[in-house]
Amino acid sequence: MGLFSSVGQCVLILLNIVFTIVALALLVLGAILKFQPGLLLTYALPAVSGITAFNIPSTVSSVPVVSNIGLALLVLGVVLFVISFFGCYGGCCSNRLFLIIFCILMGILCIAVATVVGLLFVRDSPLNTKGKETFKTQIRNEYKGPLSDDTFSVMLDLASYSLQCCASTGPTDFDTSASWTTYNHNGITETIEASPACCKKDVLAGDTTLECAKKQGGVFDPTKTNTQGCYDRIHDLVEENKVYVILGAGLLLLLMVLEIVFAIILIRKETKDSIV
């Protein structure tokens, strides 16, 4: 037991050092996305700067969606750092109280990770359904049009064009009564019903009247317009690489469970030592 507990103590400390580094990386990335999104987005925006059917600003100071992701990463980084601190300190100093707290927190984190991964893989899960509807409502209320400098609108167009999808659930997500639907393109005023970023790339390049951003006979033509929502498109990409996602999530959960096991071994050892 002495040798096994010593090995477990070393592994516990090393794993928590790795988790601490990951936590710090999440904190840095989260801070950049929350407070300085332009540092990363300046590399992404030029990729579609040549597309004249929607606006690409030269600078980005704040992006609501990216800001929320940054905040989530900051919170996750803080949580992971705190848990790793209890694990490192408890392992190094053989502190029974810190190890117990570490086991409890790590157990909660394991359940949370397994639950979130499971819900994300189920297309019609409450998490995905709620996410789609919330995003759809945000698009209807906050999208300002393809020529707007509004950062939410720019990022939605960028995502739609890059992933070849449209809005949250499809081109019908847009508010057709909004002022941006009356839109000047190539010197001609057009009335559109979706963002031109939802058009298929090859169609958009030669569509001078933006028919791809309008309904044909009351519906959008799937040969001209991407009718799949970006939420489902991202879900498809995850499913296409689900083997790697499952392996990654499984490996992460395995390491977390191993940490809990080694922490329990150290707790039992410290308990026996204190009795002796």
Protein backbone atom coordinates (compact mmCIF):
# COMPACT_ATOMS: atom_id res chain seq x y z
CA MET A 1 0.00 0.00 0.00
CA GLY A 2 2.90 2.35 0.77
CA LEU A 3 4.41 2.07 -2.73
CA PHE A 4 1.01 2.21 -4.40
CA SER A 5 -0.03 5.28 -2.44
CA SER A 6 3.29 6.99 -3.24
CA VAL A 7 2.81 6.33 -6.96
CA GLY A 8 -0.78 7.54 -6.67
CA GLN A 9 0.40 10.69 -4.92
CA CYS A 10 2.86 11.44 -7.75
CA VAL A 11 0.28 10.78 -10.46
CA LEU A 12 -2.29 12.92 -8.64
CA ILE A 13 0.14 15.84 -8.40
CA LEU A 14 1.26 15.54 -12.04
CA LEU A 15 -2.30 15.35 -13.38
CA ASN A 16 -3.34 18.37 -11.38
CA ILE A 17 -0.33 20.31 -12.64
CA VAL A 18 -1.53 19.52 -16.18
CA PHE A 19 -5.08 20.59 -15.29
CA THR A 20 -3.68 23.79 -13.77
CA ILE A 21 -1.89 24.60 -17.03
CA VAL A 22 -5.10 23.91 -18.96
CA ALA A 23 -7.02 26.13 -16.54
CA LEU A 24 -4.55 28.98 -17.06
CA ALA A 25 -4.82 28.56 -20.84
CA LEU A 26 -8.63 28.74 -20.58
CA LEU A 27 -8.34 31.89 -18.46
CA VAL A 28 -6.06 33.56 -21.02
CA LEU A 29 -8.24 32.56 -23.98
CA GLY A 30 -11.41 33.52 -22.14
CA ALA A 31 -9.97 36.94 -21.24
CA ILE A 32 -9.01 37.57 -24.88
CA LEU A 33 -12.46 36.59 -26.19
CA LYS A 34 -14.22 38.57 -23.45
CA PHE A 35 -12.19 41.78 -23.45
CA GLN A 36 -10.08 41.81 -26.67
CA PRO A 37 -11.91 39.69 -29.30
CA GLY A 38 -10.29 41.68 -32.10
CA LEU A 39 -6.92 40.05 -31.38
CA LEU A 40 -8.23 36.73 -32.75
CA LEU A 41 -10.95 37.95 -35.10
CA THR A 42 -8.59 40.12 -37.13
CA TYR A 43 -7.24 36.85 -38.55
CA ALA A 44 -10.71 35.48 -39.35
CA LEU A 45 -12.38 38.52 -40.90
CA PRO A 46 -9.99 38.96 -43.88
CA ALA A 47 -10.91 35.44 -45.03
CA VAL A 48 -14.20 36.76 -46.39
CA SER A 49 -13.32 40.43 -46.86
CA GLY A 50 -13.60 40.05 -50.63
CA ILE A 51 -17.31 39.18 -50.46
CA THR A 52 -19.18 42.36 -51.39
CA ALA A 53 -22.68 41.08 -50.64
CA PHE A 54 -22.28 41.77 -46.94
CA ASN A 55 -20.14 44.05 -44.85
CA ILE A 56 -16.87 43.12 -43.16
CA PRO A 57 -15.59 45.85 -40.80
CA SER A 58 -11.87 46.46 -40.46
CA THR A 59 -11.92 46.44 -36.67
CA VAL A 60 -13.92 44.60 -34.04
CA SER A 61 -14.06 45.91 -30.48
CA SER A 62 -16.76 43.69 -28.99
CA VAL A 63 -18.73 40.67 -30.14
CA PRO A 64 -21.72 39.63 -27.97
CA VAL A 65 -21.67 35.91 -28.88
CA VAL A 66 -17.88 35.63 -28.63
CA SER A 67 -17.98 37.64 -25.40
CA ASN A 68 -20.38 35.09 -23.87
CA ILE A 69 -18.07 32.25 -24.93
CA GLY A 70 -15.16 34.12 -23.35
CA LEU A 71 -17.09 34.52 -20.10
CA ALA A 72 -17.91 30.79 -20.08
CA LEU A 73 -14.23 29.93 -20.59
CA LEU A 74 -13.26 32.28 -17.77
CA VAL A 75 -15.71 30.62 -15.39
CA LEU A 76 -14.57 27.13 -16.47
CA GLY A 77 -10.91 28.15 -16.06
CA VAL A 78 -11.51 29.46 -12.53
CA VAL A 79 -13.43 26.32 -11.51
CA LEU A 80 -10.75 24.03 -12.94
CA PHE A 81 -7.97 26.06 -11.31
CA VAL A 82 -9.64 25.91 -7.87
CA ILE A 83 -10.18 22.14 -8.15
CA SER A 84 -6.58 21.62 -9.30
CA PHE A 85 -5.33 23.72 -6.40
CA PHE A 86 -7.10 21.49 -3.87
CA GLY A 87 -5.72 18.41 -5.66
CA CYS A 88 -2.14 19.71 -5.82
CA TYR A 89 -2.06 20.98 -2.26
CA GLY A 90 -3.82 17.92 -0.89
CA GLY A 91 -1.45 15.59 -2.77
CA CYS A 92 1.77 17.45 -1.95
CA CYS A 93 0.99 17.99 1.71
CA SER A 94 -1.10 14.85 2.23
CA ASN A 95 -3.85 17.11 3.57
CA ARG A 96 -6.89 14.94 4.24
CA LEU A 97 -9.41 17.83 4.28
CA PHE A 98 -8.20 19.25 0.97
CA LEU A 99 -8.27 15.79 -0.61
CA ILE A 100 -11.87 15.24 0.52
CA ILE A 101 -12.91 18.62 -0.91
CA PHE A 102 -11.04 17.76 -4.11
CA CYS A 103 -12.89 14.43 -4.46
CA ILE A 104 -16.26 16.11 -3.99
CA LEU A 105 -15.55 18.89 -6.49
CA MET A 106 -14.00 16.52 -9.04
CA GLY A 107 -16.97 14.16 -8.71
CA ILE A 108 -19.37 17.03 -9.43
CA LEU A 109 -17.25 18.07 -12.41
CA CYS A 110 -17.26 14.49 -13.79
CA ILE A 111 -21.06 14.35 -13.61
CA ALA A 112 -21.33 17.79 -15.24
CA VAL A 113 -18.96 16.88 -18.11
CA ALA A 114 -20.71 13.55 -18.79
CA THR A 115 -24.14 15.23 -18.70
CA VAL A 116 -23.20 18.10 -21.03
CA VAL A 117 -21.46 15.81 -23.55
CA GLY A 118 -24.45 13.46 -23.53
CA LEU A 119 -26.95 16.29 -24.03
CA LEU A 120 -24.90 17.83 -26.84
CA PHE A 121 -24.87 14.54 -28.77
CA VAL A 122 -28.66 14.22 -28.60
CA ARG A 123 -29.92 16.55 -31.35
CA ASP A 124 -33.34 17.11 -29.76
CA SER A 125 -32.13 17.31 -26.16
CA PRO A 126 -33.57 20.12 -23.98
CA LEU A 127 -30.15 21.81 -24.06
CA ASN A 128 -29.98 21.87 -27.87
CA THR A 129 -33.65 22.78 -28.30
CA LYS A 130 -33.36 25.68 -25.88
CA GLY A 131 -30.11 26.81 -27.49
CA LYS A 132 -31.67 26.86 -30.97
CA GLU A 133 -34.70 28.84 -29.88
CA THR A 134 -32.66 31.35 -27.88
CA PHE A 135 -30.29 31.92 -30.81
CA LYS A 136 -33.23 32.21 -33.23
CA THR A 137 -34.88 34.86 -31.04
CA GLN A 138 -31.61 36.77 -30.78
CA ILE A 139 -31.23 36.76 -34.58
CA ARG A 140 -34.77 38.01 -35.13
CA ASN A 141 -34.37 40.81 -32.59
CA GLU A 142 -30.72 41.83 -32.97
CA TYR A 143 -29.61 41.15 -36.56
CA LYS A 144 -29.06 44.54 -38.23
CA GLY A 145 -28.46 43.48 -41.84
CA PRO A 146 -25.67 42.51 -44.24
CA LEU A 147 -24.30 46.07 -44.54
CA SER A 148 -24.27 46.77 -40.82
CA ASP A 149 -21.15 47.32 -38.72
CA ASP A 150 -22.95 45.66 -35.80
CA THR A 151 -20.62 42.95 -34.56
CA PHE A 152 -23.34 40.37 -33.85
CA SER A 153 -24.59 40.74 -37.43
CA VAL A 154 -21.07 40.50 -38.84
CA MET A 155 -20.28 37.34 -36.86
CA LEU A 156 -23.57 35.70 -37.90
CA ASP A 157 -22.81 36.42 -41.56
CA LEU A 158 -19.25 35.18 -41.14
CA ALA A 159 -20.43 31.91 -39.56
CA SER A 160 -23.17 31.40 -42.17
CA TYR A 161 -20.83 32.02 -45.10
CA SER A 162 -17.89 30.02 -43.72
CA LEU A 163 -19.91 26.97 -42.63
CA GLN A 164 -22.37 27.20 -45.54
CA CYS A 165 -25.40 27.29 -43.27
CA CYS A 166 -27.95 29.94 -42.34
CA ALA A 167 -28.83 31.61 -39.04
CA SER A 168 -29.91 29.28 -36.22
CA THR A 169 -32.49 27.00 -37.85
CA GLY A 170 -32.56 28.36 -41.42
CA PRO A 171 -33.24 31.45 -43.57
CA THR A 172 -36.75 31.87 -42.12
CA ASP A 173 -35.18 32.99 -38.83
CA PHE A 174 -34.80 36.55 -40.13
CA ASP A 175 -37.34 39.30 -39.48
CA THR A 176 -38.61 40.14 -42.99
CA SER A 177 -40.23 43.35 -41.71
CA ALA A 178 -36.85 44.81 -40.64
CA SER A 179 -35.54 47.89 -42.45
CA TRP A 180 -32.40 46.09 -43.67
CA THR A 181 -34.43 43.92 -46.06
CA THR A 182 -34.63 46.93 -48.40
CA TYR A 183 -31.07 46.90 -49.52
CA ASN A 184 -28.93 48.54 -52.20
CA HIS A 185 -26.73 46.08 -54.06
CA ASN A 186 -24.63 47.01 -57.10
CA GLY A 187 -26.57 50.27 -57.40
CA ILE A 188 -29.92 48.47 -57.49
CA THR A 189 -32.39 48.45 -54.61
CA GLU A 190 -33.42 44.90 -53.76
CA THR A 191 -35.88 43.53 -51.24
CA ILE A 192 -34.32 40.47 -49.63
CA GLU A 193 -35.69 38.06 -47.02
CA ALA A 194 -32.46 36.57 -45.68
CA SER A 195 -28.83 37.55 -45.39
CA PRO A 196 -26.82 37.10 -48.61
CA ALA A 197 -24.32 35.20 -46.43
CA CYS A 198 -26.86 32.34 -46.49
CA CYS A 199 -26.46 31.98 -50.26
CA LYS A 200 -24.38 29.14 -51.64
CA LYS A 201 -20.89 30.40 -52.42
CA ASP A 202 -20.91 29.61 -56.14
CA VAL A 203 -24.38 31.14 -56.55
CA LEU A 204 -23.54 34.29 -54.60
CA ALA A 205 -20.55 35.01 -56.82
CA GLY A 206 -22.74 35.45 -59.92
CA ASP A 207 -26.14 36.41 -58.46
CA THR A 208 -26.32 40.13 -59.29
CA THR A 209 -29.91 40.54 -58.07
CA LEU A 210 -29.50 38.35 -54.96
CA GLU A 211 -32.31 35.94 -55.89
CA CYS A 212 -30.62 33.51 -53.51
CA ALA A 213 -31.60 35.76 -50.61
CA LYS A 214 -35.26 35.78 -51.63
CA LYS A 215 -38.05 33.22 -51.49
CA GLN A 216 -39.03 31.57 -54.74
CA GLY A 217 -42.74 30.69 -54.75
CA GLY A 218 -42.96 31.27 -51.02
CA VAL A 219 -39.95 29.12 -50.10
CA PHE A 220 -36.18 29.39 -50.35
CA ASP A 221 -34.62 27.44 -53.21
CA PRO A 222 -32.21 24.88 -51.65
CA THR A 223 -30.16 24.89 -54.86
CA LYS A 224 -29.39 28.57 -54.32
CA THR A 225 -29.73 29.06 -50.56
CA ASN A 226 -28.31 27.13 -47.63
CA THR A 227 -31.49 26.11 -45.84
CA GLN A 228 -29.79 24.23 -42.98
CA GLY A 229 -29.37 26.19 -39.76
CA CYS A 230 -25.89 26.73 -38.37
CA TYR A 231 -26.85 25.04 -35.11
CA ASP A 232 -27.59 21.77 -36.93
CA ARG A 233 -24.58 22.27 -39.20
CA ILE A 234 -22.24 22.44 -36.22
CA HIS A 235 -23.98 19.40 -34.73
CA ASP A 236 -23.38 17.54 -38.01
CA LEU A 237 -19.69 18.44 -37.90
CA VAL A 238 -19.48 17.09 -34.35
CA GLU A 239 -21.22 13.87 -35.40
CA GLU A 240 -18.87 13.48 -38.37
CA ASN A 241 -15.99 13.52 -35.91
CA LYS A 242 -17.83 11.82 -33.06
CA VAL A 243 -15.19 9.08 -32.71
CA TYR A 244 -12.57 11.70 -31.80
CA VAL A 245 -15.02 13.61 -29.60
CA ILE A 246 -16.03 10.45 -27.72
CA LEU A 247 -12.40 9.35 -27.32
CA GLY A 248 -11.43 12.80 -26.07
CA ALA A 249 -14.33 13.00 -23.62
CA GLY A 250 -13.73 9.40 -22.49
CA LEU A 251 -10.04 10.03 -21.88
CA LEU A 252 -10.83 13.19 -19.93
CA LEU A 253 -13.37 11.38 -17.75
CA LEU A 254 -10.94 8.49 -17.21
CA LEU A 255 -8.23 10.86 -15.98
CA MET A 256 -10.70 12.60 -13.69
CA VAL A 257 -11.87 9.28 -12.24
CA LEU A 258 -8.24 8.18 -11.74
CA GLU A 259 -7.61 11.38 -9.81
CA ILE A 260 -10.54 10.63 -7.55
CA VAL A 261 -9.35 7.04 -7.01
CA PHE A 262 -5.80 8.11 -6.11
CA ALA A 263 -7.15 10.85 -3.84
CA ILE A 264 -9.31 8.31 -2.00
CA ILE A 265 -6.26 6.03 -1.57
CA LEU A 266 -4.32 8.91 -0.01
CA ILE A 267 -7.28 9.79 2.22
CA ARG A 268 -7.45 6.19 3.49
CA LYS A 269 -3.69 6.17 4.07
CA GLU A 270 -3.81 9.43 6.03
CA THR A 271 -6.75 8.14 8.05
CA LYS A 272 -4.88 4.94 8.99
CA ASP A 273 -1.72 6.89 9.80
CA SER A 274 -3.64 9.25 12.08
CA ILE A 275 -5.22 6.27 13.91
CA VAL A 276 -1.81 4.65 14.38
